[in-house]
């Protein structure tokens, strides 16, 4: 039987993917923690959706992209470039935002309306937190610009989706 706990983190250190030990409050760990929280919020959203398989699949694709982003960060970063799959995913988000917003003008709204809409606004606001952490990370460990663009568009997507679920 493999145990879940290792006791290796008891001293305030954890490992990046290549085995490099870093403090638990290292910006790479902090950023991945924020993205992990976002992924959990999206998991809650998927349970609140009706049996709309297309939207659930769309959100699960987003969760997969977030896991790939976390993996890139855990590698210890350093190789900025352009991830073509994230660039395509960003374009897909833009297309969905256009569909969802139906040429409506942007306006601020109070989060709420329904539990689903409120959770989507939570996902939106937490995506913004992730984006801020990524920009902080980028100052010390340059990351792929496609990650930053994707996260920026993702918060817009959650905003547009939340408005549709009121």
N, C-alpha and C. Protein backbone atom coordinates (compact mmCIF):
# COMPACT_ATOMS: atom_id res chain seq x y z
N UNK A 1 0.84 -1.18 0.00
CA UNK A 1 0.00 0.00 0.00
C UNK A 1 0.89 1.25 0.00
N UNK A 2 0.58 2.18 -0.88
CA UNK A 2 1.31 3.43 -0.95
C UNK A 2 0.59 4.46 -0.08
N UNK A 3 1.32 5.11 0.79
CA UNK A 3 0.73 6.12 1.66
C UNK A 3 0.66 7.45 0.94
N UNK A 4 -0.38 8.21 1.26
CA UNK A 4 -0.56 9.53 0.66
C UNK A 4 0.44 10.52 1.24
N UNK A 5 0.72 10.39 2.52
CA UNK A 5 1.63 11.34 3.15
C UNK A 5 3.07 10.83 3.10
N UNK A 6 3.99 11.79 2.99
CA UNK A 6 5.41 11.44 2.90
C UNK A 6 6.21 12.01 4.08
N UNK A 7 5.66 12.99 4.75
CA UNK A 7 6.31 13.72 5.85
C UNK A 7 7.46 14.60 5.37
N UNK A 8 7.72 14.62 4.05
CA UNK A 8 8.82 15.43 3.53
C UNK A 8 8.51 16.93 3.61
N UNK A 9 7.24 17.29 3.67
CA UNK A 9 6.87 18.70 3.72
C UNK A 9 6.77 19.26 5.12
N UNK A 10 7.03 18.45 6.12
CA UNK A 10 6.90 18.89 7.51
C UNK A 10 7.85 20.02 7.88
N UNK A 11 8.91 20.19 7.12
CA UNK A 11 9.90 21.23 7.44
C UNK A 11 9.67 22.51 6.63
N UNK A 12 8.53 22.58 5.92
CA UNK A 12 8.23 23.79 5.16
C UNK A 12 8.77 23.80 3.75
N UNK A 13 9.20 22.65 3.28
CA UNK A 13 9.71 22.55 1.91
C UNK A 13 8.84 21.56 1.13
N UNK A 14 8.84 21.73 -0.18
CA UNK A 14 8.14 20.81 -1.07
C UNK A 14 8.96 20.67 -2.35
N UNK A 15 8.56 19.77 -3.21
CA UNK A 15 9.34 19.52 -4.43
C UNK A 15 8.63 20.01 -5.67
N UNK A 16 9.43 20.54 -6.57
CA UNK A 16 8.95 20.80 -7.92
C UNK A 16 9.09 19.50 -8.70
N UNK A 17 8.62 19.49 -9.92
CA UNK A 17 8.58 18.24 -10.69
C UNK A 17 9.92 17.58 -10.89
N UNK A 18 10.98 18.32 -11.01
CA UNK A 18 12.29 17.73 -11.24
C UNK A 18 13.00 17.36 -9.94
N UNK A 19 12.28 17.44 -8.83
CA UNK A 19 12.85 17.06 -7.55
C UNK A 19 13.50 18.19 -6.78
N UNK A 20 13.56 19.38 -7.38
CA UNK A 20 14.13 20.53 -6.70
C UNK A 20 13.27 20.87 -5.48
N UNK A 21 13.89 20.95 -4.30
CA UNK A 21 13.19 21.30 -3.07
C UNK A 21 13.15 22.83 -2.94
N UNK A 22 11.97 23.35 -2.68
CA UNK A 22 11.78 24.79 -2.53
C UNK A 22 10.86 25.05 -1.32
N UNK A 23 10.90 26.27 -0.77
CA UNK A 23 9.98 26.59 0.33
C UNK A 23 8.53 26.50 -0.15
N UNK A 24 7.63 26.16 0.76
CA UNK A 24 6.22 26.01 0.38
C UNK A 24 5.58 27.32 -0.06
N UNK A 25 6.21 28.45 0.29
CA UNK A 25 5.67 29.73 -0.16
C UNK A 25 6.42 30.29 -1.37
N UNK A 26 7.22 29.47 -2.03
CA UNK A 26 7.88 29.85 -3.29
C UNK A 26 6.79 30.27 -4.28
N UNK A 27 7.06 31.28 -5.09
CA UNK A 27 6.05 31.80 -6.01
C UNK A 27 5.53 30.73 -6.96
N UNK A 28 6.35 29.75 -7.31
CA UNK A 28 5.88 28.68 -8.20
C UNK A 28 4.85 27.81 -7.49
N UNK A 29 5.09 27.54 -6.22
CA UNK A 29 4.15 26.73 -5.43
C UNK A 29 2.88 27.53 -5.16
N UNK A 30 3.05 28.80 -4.81
CA UNK A 30 1.90 29.68 -4.56
C UNK A 30 1.02 29.79 -5.81
N UNK A 31 1.64 29.97 -6.96
CA UNK A 31 0.88 30.10 -8.20
C UNK A 31 0.13 28.81 -8.51
N UNK A 32 0.80 27.69 -8.37
CA UNK A 32 0.12 26.41 -8.62
C UNK A 32 -1.00 26.16 -7.62
N UNK A 33 -0.82 26.62 -6.39
CA UNK A 33 -1.88 26.48 -5.39
C UNK A 33 -3.12 27.27 -5.79
N UNK A 34 -2.92 28.47 -6.32
CA UNK A 34 -4.06 29.29 -6.77
C UNK A 34 -4.76 28.63 -7.96
N UNK A 35 -3.98 28.10 -8.89
CA UNK A 35 -4.57 27.44 -10.06
C UNK A 35 -5.30 26.16 -9.63
N UNK A 36 -4.75 25.45 -8.66
CA UNK A 36 -5.41 24.26 -8.12
C UNK A 36 -6.76 24.62 -7.50
N UNK A 37 -6.80 25.73 -6.76
CA UNK A 37 -8.08 26.19 -6.20
C UNK A 37 -9.08 26.50 -7.30
N UNK A 38 -8.61 27.18 -8.34
CA UNK A 38 -9.49 27.49 -9.47
C UNK A 38 -10.05 26.21 -10.08
N UNK A 39 -9.19 25.22 -10.24
CA UNK A 39 -9.63 23.94 -10.81
C UNK A 39 -10.71 23.31 -9.94
N UNK A 40 -10.58 23.44 -8.63
CA UNK A 40 -11.59 22.90 -7.71
C UNK A 40 -12.91 23.66 -7.84
N UNK A 41 -12.83 24.98 -7.98
CA UNK A 41 -14.05 25.78 -8.17
C UNK A 41 -14.76 25.35 -9.45
N UNK A 42 -13.99 25.13 -10.50
CA UNK A 42 -14.59 24.67 -11.76
C UNK A 42 -15.25 23.31 -11.56
N UNK A 43 -14.64 22.47 -10.74
CA UNK A 43 -15.26 21.18 -10.42
C UNK A 43 -16.63 21.35 -9.77
N UNK A 44 -16.75 22.33 -8.88
CA UNK A 44 -18.05 22.63 -8.27
C UNK A 44 -19.04 23.09 -9.34
N UNK A 45 -18.58 23.96 -10.22
CA UNK A 45 -19.45 24.46 -11.29
C UNK A 45 -19.98 23.31 -12.14
N UNK A 46 -19.12 22.36 -12.48
CA UNK A 46 -19.58 21.24 -13.33
C UNK A 46 -20.66 20.42 -12.64
N UNK A 47 -20.60 20.33 -11.30
CA UNK A 47 -21.64 19.56 -10.60
C UNK A 47 -22.97 20.32 -10.57
N UNK A 48 -22.91 21.64 -10.71
CA UNK A 48 -24.13 22.45 -10.67
C UNK A 48 -24.80 22.57 -12.04
N UNK A 49 -24.07 22.25 -13.09
CA UNK A 49 -24.65 22.34 -14.42
C UNK A 49 -25.71 21.26 -14.60
N UNK A 50 -26.73 21.61 -15.35
CA UNK A 50 -27.68 20.57 -15.71
C UNK A 50 -26.96 19.57 -16.61
N UNK A 51 -27.61 18.66 -17.13
CA UNK A 51 -26.95 17.62 -17.94
C UNK A 51 -26.53 18.13 -19.31
N UNK A 52 -26.09 19.37 -19.38
CA UNK A 52 -25.58 19.95 -20.61
C UNK A 52 -24.17 19.42 -20.85
N UNK A 53 -24.09 18.33 -21.56
CA UNK A 53 -22.81 17.64 -21.77
C UNK A 53 -21.77 18.53 -22.45
N UNK A 54 -22.20 19.38 -23.39
CA UNK A 54 -21.26 20.23 -24.12
C UNK A 54 -20.55 21.20 -23.17
N UNK A 55 -21.31 21.84 -22.30
CA UNK A 55 -20.68 22.78 -21.35
C UNK A 55 -19.79 22.05 -20.35
N UNK A 56 -20.21 20.88 -19.91
CA UNK A 56 -19.37 20.11 -18.98
C UNK A 56 -18.06 19.73 -19.65
N UNK A 57 -18.13 19.29 -20.89
CA UNK A 57 -16.91 18.94 -21.62
C UNK A 57 -16.01 20.16 -21.82
N UNK A 58 -16.63 21.29 -22.11
CA UNK A 58 -15.88 22.53 -22.27
C UNK A 58 -15.13 22.87 -20.98
N UNK A 59 -15.81 22.76 -19.85
CA UNK A 59 -15.18 23.05 -18.56
C UNK A 59 -14.12 22.02 -18.20
N UNK A 60 -14.35 20.77 -18.55
CA UNK A 60 -13.34 19.74 -18.30
C UNK A 60 -12.10 19.96 -19.17
N UNK A 61 -12.30 20.45 -20.37
CA UNK A 61 -11.15 20.82 -21.22
C UNK A 61 -10.34 21.93 -20.56
N UNK A 62 -11.05 22.91 -20.00
CA UNK A 62 -10.38 23.99 -19.28
C UNK A 62 -9.59 23.43 -18.10
N UNK A 63 -10.19 22.51 -17.36
CA UNK A 63 -9.48 21.90 -16.23
C UNK A 63 -8.21 21.19 -16.69
N UNK A 64 -8.28 20.53 -17.83
CA UNK A 64 -7.10 19.86 -18.38
C UNK A 64 -6.02 20.87 -18.75
N UNK A 65 -6.44 21.99 -19.35
CA UNK A 65 -5.46 23.05 -19.68
C UNK A 65 -4.81 23.58 -18.40
N UNK A 66 -5.60 23.76 -17.36
CA UNK A 66 -5.04 24.25 -16.10
C UNK A 66 -4.03 23.27 -15.51
N UNK A 67 -4.30 21.99 -15.63
CA UNK A 67 -3.35 20.99 -15.14
C UNK A 67 -2.05 21.04 -15.94
N UNK A 68 -2.15 21.27 -17.24
CA UNK A 68 -0.95 21.40 -18.07
C UNK A 68 -0.15 22.65 -17.69
N UNK A 69 -0.86 23.73 -17.40
CA UNK A 69 -0.20 24.96 -16.97
C UNK A 69 0.53 24.71 -15.65
N UNK A 70 -0.13 24.04 -14.73
CA UNK A 70 0.50 23.73 -13.44
C UNK A 70 1.75 22.88 -13.64
N UNK A 71 1.68 21.94 -14.55
CA UNK A 71 2.82 21.09 -14.84
C UNK A 71 3.98 21.90 -15.39
N UNK A 72 3.68 22.84 -16.29
CA UNK A 72 4.73 23.70 -16.86
C UNK A 72 5.40 24.52 -15.76
N UNK A 73 4.61 25.00 -14.82
CA UNK A 73 5.16 25.79 -13.72
C UNK A 73 6.02 24.91 -12.80
N UNK A 74 5.57 23.70 -12.55
CA UNK A 74 6.27 22.79 -11.64
C UNK A 74 7.58 22.28 -12.23
N UNK A 75 7.74 22.38 -13.53
CA UNK A 75 9.00 21.95 -14.16
C UNK A 75 10.10 22.92 -13.77
N UNK A 76 9.74 24.02 -13.19
CA UNK A 76 10.67 25.05 -12.74
C UNK A 76 10.77 26.15 -13.77
N UNK A 77 9.89 26.13 -14.71
CA UNK A 77 9.72 27.17 -15.72
C UNK A 77 11.02 27.43 -16.48
N UNK A 78 11.11 28.57 -17.13
CA UNK A 78 12.34 28.97 -17.76
C UNK A 78 12.37 28.93 -19.27
N UNK A 79 11.46 28.26 -19.93
CA UNK A 79 11.54 28.10 -21.37
C UNK A 79 10.36 28.81 -22.04
N UNK A 80 10.35 30.15 -22.02
CA UNK A 80 9.21 30.84 -22.61
C UNK A 80 9.16 30.64 -24.13
N UNK A 81 7.97 30.49 -24.63
CA UNK A 81 7.75 30.30 -26.06
C UNK A 81 6.29 30.52 -26.34
N UNK A 82 5.77 29.82 -27.30
CA UNK A 82 4.36 29.91 -27.61
C UNK A 82 3.78 28.51 -27.71
N UNK A 83 3.00 28.14 -26.71
CA UNK A 83 2.35 26.84 -26.70
C UNK A 83 1.17 26.90 -27.67
N UNK A 84 1.31 26.22 -28.80
CA UNK A 84 0.30 26.30 -29.85
C UNK A 84 -1.06 25.79 -29.39
N UNK A 85 -1.09 24.78 -28.52
CA UNK A 85 -2.38 24.27 -28.07
C UNK A 85 -3.09 25.29 -27.18
N UNK A 86 -2.33 26.03 -26.37
CA UNK A 86 -2.96 27.08 -25.55
C UNK A 86 -3.38 28.27 -26.39
N UNK A 87 -2.63 28.55 -27.44
CA UNK A 87 -3.02 29.64 -28.34
C UNK A 87 -4.35 29.29 -29.01
N UNK A 88 -4.49 28.04 -29.43
CA UNK A 88 -5.74 27.59 -30.04
C UNK A 88 -6.87 27.61 -29.02
N UNK A 89 -6.59 27.18 -27.80
CA UNK A 89 -7.59 27.18 -26.74
C UNK A 89 -8.04 28.62 -26.43
N UNK A 90 -7.11 29.56 -26.48
CA UNK A 90 -7.45 30.97 -26.25
C UNK A 90 -8.39 31.47 -27.35
N UNK A 91 -8.11 31.10 -28.58
CA UNK A 91 -8.99 31.48 -29.69
C UNK A 91 -10.38 30.86 -29.52
N UNK A 92 -10.43 29.61 -29.05
CA UNK A 92 -11.72 28.97 -28.80
C UNK A 92 -12.49 29.69 -27.70
N UNK A 93 -11.78 30.12 -26.65
CA UNK A 93 -12.44 30.89 -25.59
C UNK A 93 -13.01 32.20 -26.16
N UNK A 94 -12.25 32.86 -27.00
CA UNK A 94 -12.72 34.11 -27.60
C UNK A 94 -13.99 33.87 -28.41
N UNK A 95 -13.99 32.79 -29.16
CA UNK A 95 -15.18 32.44 -29.95
C UNK A 95 -16.38 32.20 -29.03
N UNK A 96 -16.18 31.45 -27.95
CA UNK A 96 -17.28 31.18 -27.01
C UNK A 96 -17.76 32.45 -26.32
N UNK A 97 -16.83 33.33 -25.96
CA UNK A 97 -17.21 34.60 -25.33
C UNK A 97 -18.10 35.40 -26.28
N UNK A 98 -17.72 35.43 -27.55
CA UNK A 98 -18.53 36.13 -28.55
C UNK A 98 -19.92 35.51 -28.66
N UNK A 99 -19.98 34.19 -28.67
CA UNK A 99 -21.29 33.51 -28.73
C UNK A 99 -22.14 33.82 -27.51
N UNK A 100 -21.52 33.74 -26.34
CA UNK A 100 -22.25 33.94 -25.08
C UNK A 100 -22.69 35.39 -24.89
N UNK A 101 -21.86 36.33 -25.30
CA UNK A 101 -22.18 37.73 -25.06
C UNK A 101 -23.14 38.29 -26.11
N UNK A 102 -23.23 37.64 -27.25
CA UNK A 102 -24.22 38.00 -28.27
C UNK A 102 -24.22 39.49 -28.55
N UNK A 103 -23.02 40.07 -28.71
CA UNK A 103 -22.85 41.48 -29.03
C UNK A 103 -23.37 42.45 -27.97
N UNK A 104 -23.55 41.97 -26.73
CA UNK A 104 -23.96 42.86 -25.64
C UNK A 104 -22.76 43.70 -25.22
N UNK A 105 -23.03 44.90 -24.76
CA UNK A 105 -21.96 45.76 -24.26
C UNK A 105 -21.59 45.32 -22.85
N UNK A 106 -20.31 45.49 -22.52
CA UNK A 106 -19.84 45.14 -21.19
C UNK A 106 -20.46 46.08 -20.15
N UNK A 107 -20.82 45.52 -19.01
CA UNK A 107 -21.26 46.32 -17.87
C UNK A 107 -20.98 45.52 -16.60
N UNK A 108 -20.73 46.23 -15.52
CA UNK A 108 -20.47 45.55 -14.26
C UNK A 108 -21.78 45.00 -13.72
N UNK A 109 -21.69 43.85 -13.07
CA UNK A 109 -22.87 43.22 -12.49
C UNK A 109 -22.54 42.77 -11.08
N UNK A 110 -23.56 42.64 -10.28
CA UNK A 110 -23.39 42.08 -8.95
C UNK A 110 -23.42 40.56 -9.07
N UNK A 111 -22.40 39.87 -8.57
CA UNK A 111 -22.41 38.40 -8.63
C UNK A 111 -23.62 37.86 -7.86
N UNK A 112 -24.17 36.81 -8.39
CA UNK A 112 -25.31 36.19 -7.72
C UNK A 112 -26.35 35.77 -8.73
N UNK A 113 -27.60 35.88 -8.33
CA UNK A 113 -28.70 35.48 -9.20
C UNK A 113 -29.09 34.04 -8.94
N UNK A 114 -28.19 33.14 -9.29
CA UNK A 114 -28.38 31.72 -9.00
C UNK A 114 -27.08 31.20 -8.39
N UNK A 115 -27.15 30.06 -7.78
CA UNK A 115 -25.94 29.46 -7.21
C UNK A 115 -24.92 29.21 -8.31
N UNK A 116 -25.36 28.73 -9.47
CA UNK A 116 -24.45 28.47 -10.58
C UNK A 116 -23.77 29.76 -11.04
N UNK A 117 -24.54 30.82 -11.22
CA UNK A 117 -23.99 32.09 -11.65
C UNK A 117 -22.99 32.62 -10.61
N UNK A 118 -23.33 32.52 -9.34
CA UNK A 118 -22.43 32.98 -8.28
C UNK A 118 -21.11 32.19 -8.29
N UNK A 119 -21.19 30.89 -8.51
CA UNK A 119 -19.98 30.06 -8.57
C UNK A 119 -19.14 30.40 -9.80
N UNK A 120 -19.78 30.74 -10.90
CA UNK A 120 -19.04 31.15 -12.09
C UNK A 120 -18.34 32.49 -11.85
N UNK A 121 -18.98 33.39 -11.10
CA UNK A 121 -18.32 34.65 -10.74
C UNK A 121 -17.15 34.38 -9.80
N UNK A 122 -17.29 33.40 -8.92
CA UNK A 122 -16.18 33.00 -8.05
C UNK A 122 -15.02 32.49 -8.91
N UNK A 123 -15.34 31.67 -9.90
CA UNK A 123 -14.30 31.17 -10.82
C UNK A 123 -13.66 32.34 -11.56
N UNK A 124 -14.46 33.31 -12.00
CA UNK A 124 -13.94 34.49 -12.70
C UNK A 124 -12.98 35.28 -11.81
N UNK A 125 -13.41 35.57 -10.60
CA UNK A 125 -12.56 36.39 -9.74
C UNK A 125 -11.31 35.63 -9.31
N UNK A 126 -11.42 34.32 -9.13
CA UNK A 126 -10.23 33.55 -8.76
C UNK A 126 -9.28 33.40 -9.95
N UNK A 127 -9.83 33.37 -11.15
CA UNK A 127 -8.97 33.35 -12.33
C UNK A 127 -8.11 34.62 -12.36
N UNK A 128 -8.70 35.74 -11.98
CA UNK A 128 -7.93 37.00 -11.92
C UNK A 128 -6.80 36.90 -10.89
N UNK A 129 -7.07 36.25 -9.76
CA UNK A 129 -6.01 36.04 -8.76
C UNK A 129 -4.89 35.19 -9.36
N UNK A 130 -5.27 34.14 -10.06
CA UNK A 130 -4.27 33.28 -10.71
C UNK A 130 -3.45 34.08 -11.71
N UNK A 131 -4.12 34.91 -12.46
CA UNK A 131 -3.42 35.72 -13.47
C UNK A 131 -2.40 36.66 -12.80
N UNK A 132 -2.80 37.28 -11.68
CA UNK A 132 -1.85 38.16 -10.98
C UNK A 132 -0.65 37.37 -10.47
N UNK A 133 -0.88 36.17 -9.94
CA UNK A 133 0.24 35.33 -9.47
C UNK A 133 1.14 34.94 -10.64
N UNK A 134 0.55 34.65 -11.79
CA UNK A 134 1.35 34.29 -12.96
C UNK A 134 2.23 35.44 -13.40
N UNK A 135 1.72 36.66 -13.36
CA UNK A 135 2.54 37.81 -13.74
C UNK A 135 3.68 38.02 -12.74
N UNK A 136 3.40 37.79 -11.45
CA UNK A 136 4.47 37.87 -10.45
C UNK A 136 5.52 36.80 -10.73
N UNK A 137 5.07 35.59 -10.99
CA UNK A 137 5.96 34.48 -11.32
C UNK A 137 6.81 34.82 -12.54
N UNK A 138 6.18 35.42 -13.53
CA UNK A 138 6.85 35.73 -14.79
C UNK A 138 8.03 36.69 -14.61
N UNK A 139 7.98 37.52 -13.59
CA UNK A 139 9.10 38.45 -13.35
C UNK A 139 10.37 37.71 -12.95
N UNK A 140 10.22 36.61 -12.21
CA UNK A 140 11.40 35.86 -11.75
C UNK A 140 11.69 34.64 -12.60
N UNK A 141 10.65 34.03 -13.13
CA UNK A 141 10.77 32.81 -13.93
C UNK A 141 9.91 32.99 -15.18
N UNK A 142 10.49 33.51 -16.26
CA UNK A 142 9.69 33.78 -17.46
C UNK A 142 8.90 32.54 -17.91
N UNK A 143 7.63 32.77 -18.18
CA UNK A 143 6.75 31.68 -18.60
C UNK A 143 6.21 31.98 -19.99
N UNK A 144 5.68 30.97 -20.59
CA UNK A 144 5.11 31.05 -21.92
C UNK A 144 4.01 32.11 -21.96
N UNK A 145 4.12 33.06 -22.86
CA UNK A 145 3.14 34.15 -22.97
C UNK A 145 1.74 33.62 -23.26
N UNK A 146 1.65 32.46 -23.90
CA UNK A 146 0.33 31.90 -24.19
C UNK A 146 -0.42 31.54 -22.91
N UNK A 147 0.30 31.23 -21.84
CA UNK A 147 -0.34 30.95 -20.54
C UNK A 147 -1.00 32.22 -20.02
N UNK A 148 -0.29 33.32 -20.10
CA UNK A 148 -0.81 34.59 -19.60
C UNK A 148 -2.02 35.05 -20.40
N UNK A 149 -1.96 34.89 -21.71
CA UNK A 149 -3.10 35.26 -22.55
C UNK A 149 -4.30 34.37 -22.27
N UNK A 150 -4.05 33.07 -22.12
CA UNK A 150 -5.13 32.12 -21.85
C UNK A 150 -5.86 32.49 -20.56
N UNK A 151 -5.10 32.76 -19.50
CA UNK A 151 -5.72 33.07 -18.21
C UNK A 151 -6.51 34.37 -18.28
N UNK A 152 -6.01 35.34 -19.03
CA UNK A 152 -6.74 36.59 -19.18
C UNK A 152 -8.08 36.36 -19.87
N UNK A 153 -8.07 35.57 -20.90
CA UNK A 153 -9.30 35.28 -21.63
C UNK A 153 -10.24 34.40 -20.81
N UNK A 154 -9.69 33.52 -19.99
CA UNK A 154 -10.51 32.60 -19.20
C UNK A 154 -11.42 33.36 -18.23
N UNK A 155 -10.91 34.41 -17.62
CA UNK A 155 -11.78 35.17 -16.71
C UNK A 155 -12.92 35.83 -17.47
N UNK A 156 -12.65 36.30 -18.68
CA UNK A 156 -13.72 36.87 -19.51
C UNK A 156 -14.76 35.81 -19.87
N UNK A 157 -14.29 34.62 -20.15
CA UNK A 157 -15.20 33.51 -20.46
C UNK A 157 -16.14 33.23 -19.28
N UNK A 158 -15.56 33.16 -18.07
CA UNK A 158 -16.40 32.90 -16.89
C UNK A 158 -17.41 34.02 -16.66
N UNK A 159 -17.01 35.26 -16.94
CA UNK A 159 -17.92 36.39 -16.82
C UNK A 159 -19.10 36.22 -17.79
N UNK A 160 -18.79 35.94 -19.04
CA UNK A 160 -19.84 35.79 -20.05
C UNK A 160 -20.76 34.62 -19.72
N UNK A 161 -20.17 33.51 -19.26
CA UNK A 161 -20.98 32.34 -18.91
C UNK A 161 -21.86 32.61 -17.71
N UNK A 162 -21.33 33.33 -16.72
CA UNK A 162 -22.11 33.67 -15.53
C UNK A 162 -23.34 34.49 -15.89
N UNK A 163 -23.18 35.42 -16.83
CA UNK A 163 -24.32 36.26 -17.24
C UNK A 163 -25.41 35.43 -17.89
N UNK A 164 -25.03 34.35 -18.56
CA UNK A 164 -26.01 33.48 -19.22
C UNK A 164 -26.74 32.59 -18.22
N UNK A 165 -26.19 32.43 -17.02
CA UNK A 165 -26.76 31.51 -16.03
C UNK A 165 -27.58 32.21 -14.96
N UNK A 166 -27.83 33.51 -15.12
CA UNK A 166 -28.59 34.27 -14.11
C UNK A 166 -30.02 33.82 -14.06
